[in-house]
Amino acid sequence: MSSERSGHLARDLVIYVLARFVIVAAVVVVLVLVNVPLLVALAVGLVVGLPIGLLVLRPLNVRVTAGLAERNRGRATERAKLRAQLRGDL
């Protein structure tokens, strides 16, 4: 796996996580502005904001998932090579 691809994965993952937090924070701020207590707003923000983030950030989620799958394939290949070497097959 190239370092360029892993750099994109790291960037996409950070952007995705931060965007999810921003969506939850936005829901909490809106609820606090309409005089909902902070703890209740935080609980509702988590329950409502996370599914909204899944829907709104679908393209970014697909990129992150594809990047993680590619990284895992590379790791599986390296692990298979190492196991073959340890068995003496190579």
PDB file of N, CA and C in Angstrom:
ATOM      1  N   MET A   1       0.849  -1.177   0.000  1.00  0.00           N
ATOM      2  CA  MET A   1       0.000   0.000   0.000  1.00  0.00           C
ATOM      3  C   MET A   1       0.888   1.230   0.000  1.00  0.00           C
ATOM      4  N   SER A   2       0.579   2.176  -0.825  1.00  0.00           N
ATOM      5  CA  SER A   2       1.417   3.369  -0.941  1.00  0.00           C
ATOM      6  C   SER A   2       1.153   4.312   0.221  1.00  0.00           C
ATOM      7  N   SER A   3       2.147   5.123   0.537  1.00  0.00           N
ATOM      8  CA  SER A   3       1.987   6.084   1.630  1.00  0.00           C
ATOM      9  C   SER A   3       0.971   7.163   1.242  1.00  0.00           C
ATOM     10  N   GLU A   4       0.840   7.408  -0.075  1.00  0.00           N
ATOM     11  CA  GLU A   4      -0.146   8.396  -0.526  1.00  0.00           C
ATOM     12  C   GLU A   4      -1.548   7.934  -0.163  1.00  0.00           C
ATOM     13  N   ARG A   5      -1.827   6.664  -0.400  1.00  0.00           N
ATOM     14  CA  ARG A   5      -3.159   6.136  -0.104  1.00  0.00           C
ATOM     15  C   ARG A   5      -3.428   6.148   1.394  1.00  0.00           C
ATOM     16  N   SER A   6      -2.423   5.764   2.197  1.00  0.00           N
ATOM     17  CA  SER A   6      -2.614   5.772   3.637  1.00  0.00           C
ATOM     18  C   SER A   6      -2.790   7.204   4.149  1.00  0.00           C
ATOM     19  N   GLY A   7      -2.125   8.168   3.489  1.00  0.00           N
ATOM     20  CA  GLY A   7      -2.312   9.558   3.861  1.00  0.00           C
ATOM     21  C   GLY A   7      -3.736  10.021   3.610  1.00  0.00           C
ATOM     22  N   HIS A   8      -4.304   9.556   2.505  1.00  0.00           N
ATOM     23  CA  HIS A   8      -5.699   9.892   2.207  1.00  0.00           C
ATOM     24  C   HIS A   8      -6.628   9.237   3.219  1.00  0.00           C
ATOM     25  N   LEU A   9      -6.328   8.014   3.599  1.00  0.00           N
ATOM     26  CA  LEU A   9      -7.162   7.326   4.584  1.00  0.00           C
ATOM     27  C   LEU A   9      -7.141   8.078   5.904  1.00  0.00           C
ATOM     28  N   ALA A  10      -5.962   8.452   6.356  1.00  0.00           N
ATOM     29  CA  ALA A  10      -5.852   9.172   7.628  1.00  0.00           C
ATOM     30  C   ALA A  10      -6.602  10.498   7.565  1.00  0.00           C
ATOM     31  N   ARG A  11      -6.413  11.227   6.456  1.00  0.00           N
ATOM     32  CA  ARG A  11      -7.100  12.513   6.297  1.00  0.00           C
ATOM     33  C   ARG A  11      -8.614  12.320   6.276  1.00  0.00           C
ATOM     34  N   ASP A  12      -9.088  11.354   5.475  1.00  0.00           N
ATOM     35  CA  ASP A  12     -10.524  11.098   5.380  1.00  0.00           C
ATOM     36  C   ASP A  12     -11.111  10.669   6.718  1.00  0.00           C
ATOM     37  N   LEU A  13     -10.375   9.858   7.454  1.00  0.00           N
ATOM     38  CA  LEU A  13     -10.856   9.382   8.747  1.00  0.00           C
ATOM     39  C   LEU A  13     -10.959  10.530   9.750  1.00  0.00           C
ATOM     40  N   VAL A  14      -9.967  11.401   9.780  1.00  0.00           N
ATOM     41  CA  VAL A  14     -10.004  12.550  10.687  1.00  0.00           C
ATOM     42  C   VAL A  14     -11.155  13.477  10.316  1.00  0.00           C
ATOM     43  N   ILE A  15     -11.319  13.748   9.037  1.00  0.00           N
ATOM     44  CA  ILE A  15     -12.412  14.621   8.588  1.00  0.00           C
ATOM     45  C   ILE A  15     -13.765  14.010   8.955  1.00  0.00           C
ATOM     46  N   TYR A  16     -13.905  12.709   8.758  1.00  0.00           N
ATOM     47  CA  TYR A  16     -15.163  12.015   9.049  1.00  0.00           C
ATOM     48  C   TYR A  16     -15.508  12.108  10.540  1.00  0.00           C
ATOM     49  N   VAL A  17     -14.526  11.817  11.392  1.00  0.00           N
ATOM     50  CA  VAL A  17     -14.771  11.852  12.836  1.00  0.00           C
ATOM     51  C   VAL A  17     -15.106  13.274  13.284  1.00  0.00           C
ATOM     52  N   LEU A  18     -14.342  14.246  12.808  1.00  0.00           N
ATOM     53  CA  LEU A  18     -14.616  15.634  13.192  1.00  0.00           C
ATOM     54  C   LEU A  18     -15.985  16.094  12.689  1.00  0.00           C
ATOM     55  N   ALA A  19     -16.354  15.696  11.498  1.00  0.00           N
ATOM     56  CA  ALA A  19     -17.662  16.080  10.957  1.00  0.00           C
ATOM     57  C   ALA A  19     -18.793  15.470  11.783  1.00  0.00           C
ATOM     58  N   ARG A  20     -18.606  14.232  12.238  1.00  0.00           N
ATOM     59  CA  ARG A  20     -19.632  13.611  13.091  1.00  0.00           C
ATOM     60  C   ARG A  20     -19.771  14.382  14.398  1.00  0.00           C
ATOM     61  N   PHE A  21     -18.632  14.786  14.989  1.00  0.00           N
ATOM     62  CA  PHE A  21     -18.689  15.580  16.217  1.00  0.00           C
ATOM     63  C   PHE A  21     -19.372  16.927  15.979  1.00  0.00           C
ATOM     64  N   VAL A  22     -19.100  17.553  14.847  1.00  0.00           N
ATOM     65  CA  VAL A  22     -19.714  18.849  14.534  1.00  0.00           C
ATOM     66  C   VAL A  22     -21.220  18.700  14.396  1.00  0.00           C
ATOM     67  N   ILE A  23     -21.676  17.641  13.781  1.00  0.00           N
ATOM     68  CA  ILE A  23     -23.122  17.431  13.623  1.00  0.00           C
ATOM     69  C   ILE A  23     -23.777  17.250  14.991  1.00  0.00           C
ATOM     70  N   VAL A  24     -23.167  16.453  15.850  1.00  0.00           N
ATOM     71  CA  VAL A  24     -23.713  16.260  17.203  1.00  0.00           C
ATOM     72  C   VAL A  24     -23.714  17.591  17.948  1.00  0.00           C
ATOM     73  N   ALA A  25     -22.627  18.343  17.844  1.00  0.00           N
ATOM     74  CA  ALA A  25     -22.549  19.638  18.529  1.00  0.00           C
ATOM     75  C   ALA A  25     -23.613  20.598  18.010  1.00  0.00           C
ATOM     76  N   ALA A  26     -23.860  20.580  16.703  1.00  0.00           N
ATOM     77  CA  ALA A  26     -24.880  21.468  16.130  1.00  0.00           C
ATOM     78  C   ALA A  26     -26.261  21.129  16.679  1.00  0.00           C
ATOM     79  N   VAL A  27     -26.564  19.847  16.788  1.00  0.00           N
ATOM     80  CA  VAL A  27     -27.860  19.436  17.344  1.00  0.00           C
ATOM     81  C   VAL A  27     -27.960  19.889  18.797  1.00  0.00           C
ATOM     82  N   VAL A  28     -26.883  19.719  19.558  1.00  0.00           N
ATOM     83  CA  VAL A  28     -26.883  20.130  20.968  1.00  0.00           C
ATOM     84  C   VAL A  28     -27.086  21.638  21.079  1.00  0.00           C
ATOM     85  N   VAL A  29     -26.394  22.417  20.263  1.00  0.00           N
ATOM     86  CA  VAL A  29     -26.533  23.881  20.314  1.00  0.00           C
ATOM     87  C   VAL A  29     -27.960  24.303  19.997  1.00  0.00           C
ATOM     88  N   VAL A  30     -28.545  23.691  18.988  1.00  0.00           N
ATOM     89  CA  VAL A  30     -29.934  24.048  18.635  1.00  0.00           C
ATOM     90  C   VAL A  30     -30.872  23.734  19.796  1.00  0.00           C
ATOM     91  N   LEU A  31     -30.683  22.589  20.420  1.00  0.00           N
ATOM     92  CA  LEU A  31     -31.557  22.223  21.542  1.00  0.00           C
ATOM     93  C   LEU A  31     -31.340  23.136  22.747  1.00  0.00           C
ATOM     94  N   VAL A  32     -30.107  23.513  23.012  1.00  0.00           N
ATOM     95  CA  VAL A  32     -29.842  24.423  24.135  1.00  0.00           C
ATOM     96  C   VAL A  32     -30.447  25.793  23.862  1.00  0.00           C
ATOM     97  N   LEU A  33     -30.415  26.228  22.599  1.00  0.00           N
ATOM     98  CA  LEU A  33     -31.010  27.524  22.250  1.00  0.00           C
ATOM     99  C   LEU A  33     -32.522  27.545  22.443  1.00  0.00           C
ATOM    100  N   VAL A  34     -33.152  26.398  22.391  1.00  0.00           N
ATOM    101  CA  VAL A  34     -34.605  26.344  22.633  1.00  0.00           C
ATOM    102  C   VAL A  34     -34.889  25.925  24.075  1.00  0.00           C
ATOM    103  N   ASN A  35     -33.899  26.190  24.951  1.00  0.00           N
ATOM    104  CA  ASN A  35     -34.032  26.013  26.404  1.00  0.00           C
ATOM    105  C   ASN A  35     -34.203  24.567  26.856  1.00  0.00           C
ATOM    106  N   VAL A  36     -33.559  23.645  26.194  1.00  0.00           N
ATOM    107  CA  VAL A  36     -33.490  22.266  26.662  1.00  0.00           C
ATOM    108  C   VAL A  36     -32.267  22.178  27.574  1.00  0.00           C
ATOM    109  N   PRO A  37     -32.383  21.530  28.745  1.00  0.00           N
ATOM    110  CA  PRO A  37     -31.216  21.409  29.630  1.00  0.00           C
ATOM    111  C   PRO A  37     -30.031  20.752  28.910  1.00  0.00           C
ATOM    112  N   LEU A  38     -28.827  21.164  29.310  1.00  0.00           N
ATOM    113  CA  LEU A  38     -27.611  20.750  28.604  1.00  0.00           C
ATOM    114  C   LEU A  38     -27.441  19.236  28.559  1.00  0.00           C
ATOM    115  N   LEU A  39     -27.616  18.547  29.676  1.00  0.00           N
ATOM    116  CA  LEU A  39     -27.424  17.091  29.684  1.00  0.00           C
ATOM    117  C   LEU A  39     -28.449  16.383  28.798  1.00  0.00           C
ATOM    118  N   VAL A  40     -29.676  16.864  28.828  1.00  0.00           N
ATOM    119  CA  VAL A  40     -30.710  16.287  27.964  1.00  0.00           C
ATOM    120  C   VAL A  40     -30.374  16.572  26.503  1.00  0.00           C
ATOM    121  N   ALA A  41     -29.932  17.793  26.225  1.00  0.00           N
ATOM    122  CA  ALA A  41     -29.563  18.160  24.856  1.00  0.00           C
ATOM    123  C   ALA A  41     -28.395  17.309  24.374  1.00  0.00           C
ATOM    124  N   LEU A  42     -27.441  17.040  25.251  1.00  0.00           N
ATOM    125  CA  LEU A  42     -26.306  16.210  24.881  1.00  0.00           C
ATOM    126  C   LEU A  42     -26.741  14.775  24.580  1.00  0.00           C
ATOM    127  N   ALA A  43     -27.609  14.236  25.397  1.00  0.00           N
ATOM    128  CA  ALA A  43     -28.101  12.874  25.168  1.00  0.00           C
ATOM    129  C   ALA A  43     -28.888  12.796  23.861  1.00  0.00           C
ATOM    130  N   VAL A  44     -29.772  13.753  23.648  1.00  0.00           N
ATOM    131  CA  VAL A  44     -30.559  13.772  22.414  1.00  0.00           C
ATOM    132  C   VAL A  44     -29.656  14.037  21.217  1.00  0.00           C
ATOM    133  N   GLY A  45     -28.672  14.901  21.395  1.00  0.00           N
ATOM    134  CA  GLY A  45     -27.730  15.192  20.315  1.00  0.00           C
ATOM    135  C   GLY A  45     -26.985  13.953  19.866  1.00  0.00           C
ATOM    136  N   LEU A  46     -26.563  13.119  20.804  1.00  0.00           N
ATOM    137  CA  LEU A  46     -25.880  11.871  20.445  1.00  0.00           C
ATOM    138  C   LEU A  46     -26.822  10.909  19.722  1.00  0.00           C
ATOM    139  N   VAL A  47     -28.018  10.774  20.262  1.00  0.00           N
ATOM    140  CA  VAL A  47     -28.966   9.815  19.673  1.00  0.00           C
ATOM    141  C   VAL A  47     -29.433  10.268  18.293  1.00  0.00           C
ATOM    142  N   VAL A  48     -29.625  11.555  18.100  1.00  0.00           N
ATOM    143  CA  VAL A  48     -30.128  12.077  16.827  1.00  0.00           C
ATOM    144  C   VAL A  48     -28.985  12.407  15.862  1.00  0.00           C
ATOM    145  N   GLY A  49     -27.900  12.953  16.381  1.00  0.00           N
ATOM    146  CA  GLY A  49     -26.814  13.428  15.528  1.00  0.00           C
ATOM    147  C   GLY A  49     -26.030  12.328  14.838  1.00  0.00           C
ATOM    148  N   LEU A  50     -25.817  11.219  15.513  1.00  0.00           N
ATOM    149  CA  LEU A  50     -25.020  10.155  14.901  1.00  0.00           C
ATOM    150  C   LEU A  50     -25.710   9.528  13.682  1.00  0.00           C
ATOM    151  N   PRO A  51     -26.997   9.196  13.737  1.00  0.00           N
ATOM    152  CA  PRO A  51     -27.644   8.698  12.512  1.00  0.00           C
ATOM    153  C   PRO A  51     -27.711   9.752  11.400  1.00  0.00           C
ATOM    154  N   ILE A  52     -27.902  11.011  11.778  1.00  0.00           N
ATOM    155  CA  ILE A  52     -27.903  12.075  10.767  1.00  0.00           C
ATOM    156  C   ILE A  52     -26.536  12.114  10.078  1.00  0.00           C
ATOM    157  N   GLY A  53     -25.467  11.958  10.863  1.00  0.00           N
ATOM    158  CA  GLY A  53     -24.119  11.940  10.307  1.00  0.00           C
ATOM    159  C   GLY A  53     -23.918  10.791   9.329  1.00  0.00           C
ATOM    160  N   LEU A  54     -24.493   9.642   9.634  1.00  0.00           N
ATOM    161  CA  LEU A  54     -24.392   8.508   8.706  1.00  0.00           C
ATOM    162  C   LEU A  54     -25.033   8.833   7.365  1.00  0.00           C
ATOM    163  N   LEU A  55     -26.152   9.521   7.399  1.00  0.00           N
ATOM    164  CA  LEU A  55     -26.847   9.857   6.156  1.00  0.00           C
ATOM    165  C   LEU A  55     -26.164  10.987   5.399  1.00  0.00           C
ATOM    166  N   VAL A  56     -25.783  12.032   6.119  1.00  0.00           N
ATOM    167  CA  VAL A  56     -25.214  13.223   5.485  1.00  0.00           C
ATOM    168  C   VAL A  56     -23.801  12.955   4.965  1.00  0.00           C
ATOM    169  N   LEU A  57     -23.052  12.154   5.690  1.00  0.00           N
ATOM    170  CA  LEU A  57     -21.647  11.923   5.346  1.00  0.00           C
ATOM    171  C   LEU A  57     -21.433  10.601   4.603  1.00  0.00           C
ATOM    172  N   ARG A  58     -22.439  10.112   3.923  1.00  0.00           N
ATOM    173  CA  ARG A  58     -22.349   8.819   3.241  1.00  0.00           C
ATOM    174  C   ARG A  58     -21.155   8.723   2.283  1.00  0.00           C
ATOM    175  N   PRO A  59     -20.894   9.709   1.409  1.00  0.00           N
ATOM    176  CA  PRO A  59     -19.744   9.579   0.493  1.00  0.00           C
ATOM    177  C   PRO A  59     -18.406   9.471   1.232  1.00  0.00           C
ATOM    178  N   LEU A  60     -18.254  10.246   2.284  1.00  0.00           N
ATOM    179  CA  LEU A  60     -17.020  10.182   3.061  1.00  0.00           C
ATOM    180  C   LEU A  60     -16.918   8.849   3.793  1.00  0.00           C
ATOM    181  N   ASN A  61     -18.036   8.364   4.289  1.00  0.00           N
ATOM    182  CA  ASN A  61     -18.069   7.061   4.948  1.00  0.00           C
ATOM    183  C   ASN A  61     -17.644   5.955   3.978  1.00  0.00           C
ATOM    184  N   VAL A  62     -18.098   6.031   2.743  1.00  0.00           N
ATOM    185  CA  VAL A  62     -17.735   5.025   1.735  1.00  0.00           C
ATOM    186  C   VAL A  62     -16.225   5.068   1.471  1.00  0.00           C
ATOM    187  N   ARG A  63     -15.651   6.270   1.367  1.00  0.00           N
ATOM    188  CA  ARG A  63     -14.200   6.386   1.135  1.00  0.00           C
ATOM    189  C   ARG A  63     -13.403   5.828   2.297  1.00  0.00           C
ATOM    190  N   VAL A  64     -13.833   6.140   3.530  1.00  0.00           N
ATOM    191  CA  VAL A  64     -13.122   5.643   4.712  1.00  0.00           C
ATOM    192  C   VAL A  64     -13.221   4.120   4.779  1.00  0.00           C
ATOM    193  N   THR A  65     -14.394   3.585   4.528  1.00  0.00           N
ATOM    194  CA  THR A  65     -14.583   2.140   4.569  1.00  0.00           C
ATOM    195  C   THR A  65     -13.739   1.447   3.504  1.00  0.00           C
ATOM    196  N   ALA A  66     -13.695   2.011   2.300  1.00  0.00           N
ATOM    197  CA  ALA A  66     -12.877   1.418   1.231  1.00  0.00           C
ATOM    198  C   ALA A  66     -11.392   1.484   1.582  1.00  0.00           C
ATOM    199  N   GLY A  67     -10.952   2.580   2.173  1.00  0.00           N
ATOM    200  CA  GLY A  67      -9.555   2.709   2.572  1.00  0.00           C
ATOM    201  C   GLY A  67      -9.177   1.712   3.652  1.00  0.00           C
ATOM    202  N   LEU A  68     -10.069   1.525   4.619  1.00  0.00           N
ATOM    203  CA  LEU A  68      -9.807   0.548   5.674  1.00  0.00           C
ATOM    204  C   LEU A  68      -9.785  -0.873   5.123  1.00  0.00           C
ATOM    205  N   ALA A  69     -10.680  -1.170   4.188  1.00  0.00           N
ATOM    206  CA  ALA A  69     -10.704  -2.504   3.584  1.00  0.00           C
ATOM    207  C   ALA A  69      -9.420  -2.762   2.795  1.00  0.00           C
ATOM    208  N   GLU A  70      -8.946  -1.749   2.072  1.00  0.00           N
ATOM    209  CA  GLU A  70      -7.695  -1.895   1.309  1.00  0.00           C
ATOM    210  C   GLU A  70      -6.517  -2.126   2.254  1.00  0.00           C
ATOM    211  N   ARG A  71      -6.471  -1.355   3.327  1.00  0.00           N
ATOM    212  CA  ARG A  71      -5.397  -1.531   4.305  1.00  0.00           C
ATOM    213  C   ARG A  71      -5.440  -2.933   4.916  1.00  0.00           C
ATOM    214  N   ASN A  72      -6.633  -3.417   5.217  1.00  0.00           N
ATOM    215  CA  ASN A  72      -6.762  -4.757   5.801  1.00  0.00           C
ATOM    216  C   ASN A  72      -6.351  -5.843   4.816  1.00  0.00           C
ATOM    217  N   ARG A  73      -6.641  -5.638   3.513  1.00  0.00           N
ATOM    218  CA  ARG A  73      -6.205  -6.618   2.506  1.00  0.00           C
ATOM    219  C   ARG A  73      -4.684  -6.686   2.459  1.00  0.00           C
ATOM    220  N   GLY A  74      -4.045  -5.528   2.501  1.00  0.00           N
ATOM    221  CA  GLY A  74      -2.584  -5.486   2.503  1.00  0.00           C
ATOM    222  C   GLY A  74      -2.007  -6.181   3.720  1.00  0.00           C
ATOM    223  N   ARG A  75      -2.610  -5.967   4.861  1.00  0.00           N
ATOM    224  CA  ARG A  75      -2.149  -6.629   6.082  1.00  0.00           C
ATOM    225  C   ARG A  75      -2.347  -8.135   6.000  1.00  0.00           C
ATOM    226  N   ALA A  76      -3.469  -8.558   5.443  1.00  0.00           N
ATOM    227  CA  ALA A  76      -3.729  -9.998   5.320  1.00  0.00           C
ATOM    228  C   ALA A  76      -2.703 -10.651   4.397  1.00  0.00           C
ATOM    229  N   THR A  77      -2.348  -9.966   3.322  1.00  0.00           N
ATOM    230  CA  THR A  77      -1.341 -10.498   2.394  1.00  0.00           C
ATOM    231  C   THR A  77       0.006 -10.632   3.095  1.00  0.00           C
ATOM    232  N   GLU A  78       0.401  -9.597   3.820  1.00  0.00           N
ATOM    233  CA  GLU A  78       1.673  -9.644   4.550  1.00  0.00           C
ATOM    234  C   GLU A  78       1.650 -10.742   5.611  1.00  0.00           C
ATOM    235  N   ARG A  79       0.542 -10.900   6.297  1.00  0.00           N
ATOM    236  CA  ARG A  79       0.418 -11.943   7.320  1.00  0.00           C
ATOM    237  C   ARG A  79       0.517 -13.330   6.699  1.00  0.00           C
ATOM    238  N   ALA A  80      -0.106 -13.509   5.529  1.00  0.00           N
ATOM    239  CA  ALA A  80      -0.034 -14.810   4.849  1.00  0.00           C
ATOM    240  C   ALA A  80       1.401 -15.107   4.419  1.00  0.00           C
ATOM    241  N   LYS A  81       2.125 -14.099   3.927  1.00  0.00           N
ATOM    242  CA  LYS A  81       3.526 -14.289   3.543  1.00  0.00           C
ATOM    243  C   LYS A  81       4.367 -14.690   4.752  1.00  0.00           C
ATOM    244  N   LEU A  82       4.165 -14.000   5.860  1.00  0.00           N
ATOM    245  CA  LEU A  82       4.926 -14.303   7.064  1.00  0.00           C
ATOM    246  C   LEU A  82       4.642 -15.715   7.556  1.00  0.00           C
ATOM    247  N   ARG A  83       3.377 -16.109   7.549  1.00  0.00           N
ATOM    248  CA  ARG A  83       3.039 -17.478   7.974  1.00  0.00           C
ATOM    249  C   ARG A  83       3.654 -18.515   7.058  1.00  0.00           C
ATOM    250  N   ALA A  84       3.662 -18.237   5.758  1.00  0.00           N
ATOM    251  CA  ALA A  84       4.277 -19.169   4.811  1.00  0.00           C
ATOM    252  C   ALA A  84       5.777 -19.268   5.076  1.00  0.00           C
ATOM    253  N   GLN A  85       6.417 -18.162   5.370  1.00  0.00           N
ATOM    254  CA  GLN A  85       7.848 -18.190   5.690  1.00  0.00           C
ATOM    255  C   GLN A  85       8.098 -18.974   6.969  1.00  0.00           C
ATOM    256  N   LEU A  86       7.270 -18.808   7.959  1.00  0.00           N
ATOM    257  CA  LEU A  86       7.451 -19.510   9.215  1.00  0.00           C
ATOM    258  C   LEU A  86       7.243 -21.021   9.052  1.00  0.00           C
ATOM    259  N   ARG A  87       6.348 -21.398   8.141  1.00  0.00           N
ATOM    260  CA  ARG A  87       6.151 -22.826   7.861  1.00  0.00           C
ATOM    261  C   ARG A  87       7.254 -23.384   6.997  1.00  0.00           C
ATOM    262  N   GLY A  88       8.006 -22.512   6.342  1.00  0.00           N
ATOM    263  CA  GLY A  88       9.069 -22.947   5.440  1.00  0.00           C
ATOM    264  C   GLY A  88       8.594 -23.206   4.030  1.00  0.00           C
ATOM    265  N   ASP A  89       7.435 -22.669   3.662  1.00  0.00           N
ATOM    266  CA  ASP A  89       6.893 -22.869   2.319  1.00  0.00           C
ATOM    267  C   ASP A  89       7.615 -22.019   1.281  1.00  0.00           C
ATOM    268  N   LEU A  90       8.202 -20.926   1.677  1.00  0.00           N
ATOM    269  CA  LEU A  90       8.872 -20.031   0.719  1.00  0.00           C
ATOM    270  C   LEU A  90      10.347 -20.223   0.722  1.00  0.00           C
TER     271      LEU A  90
END
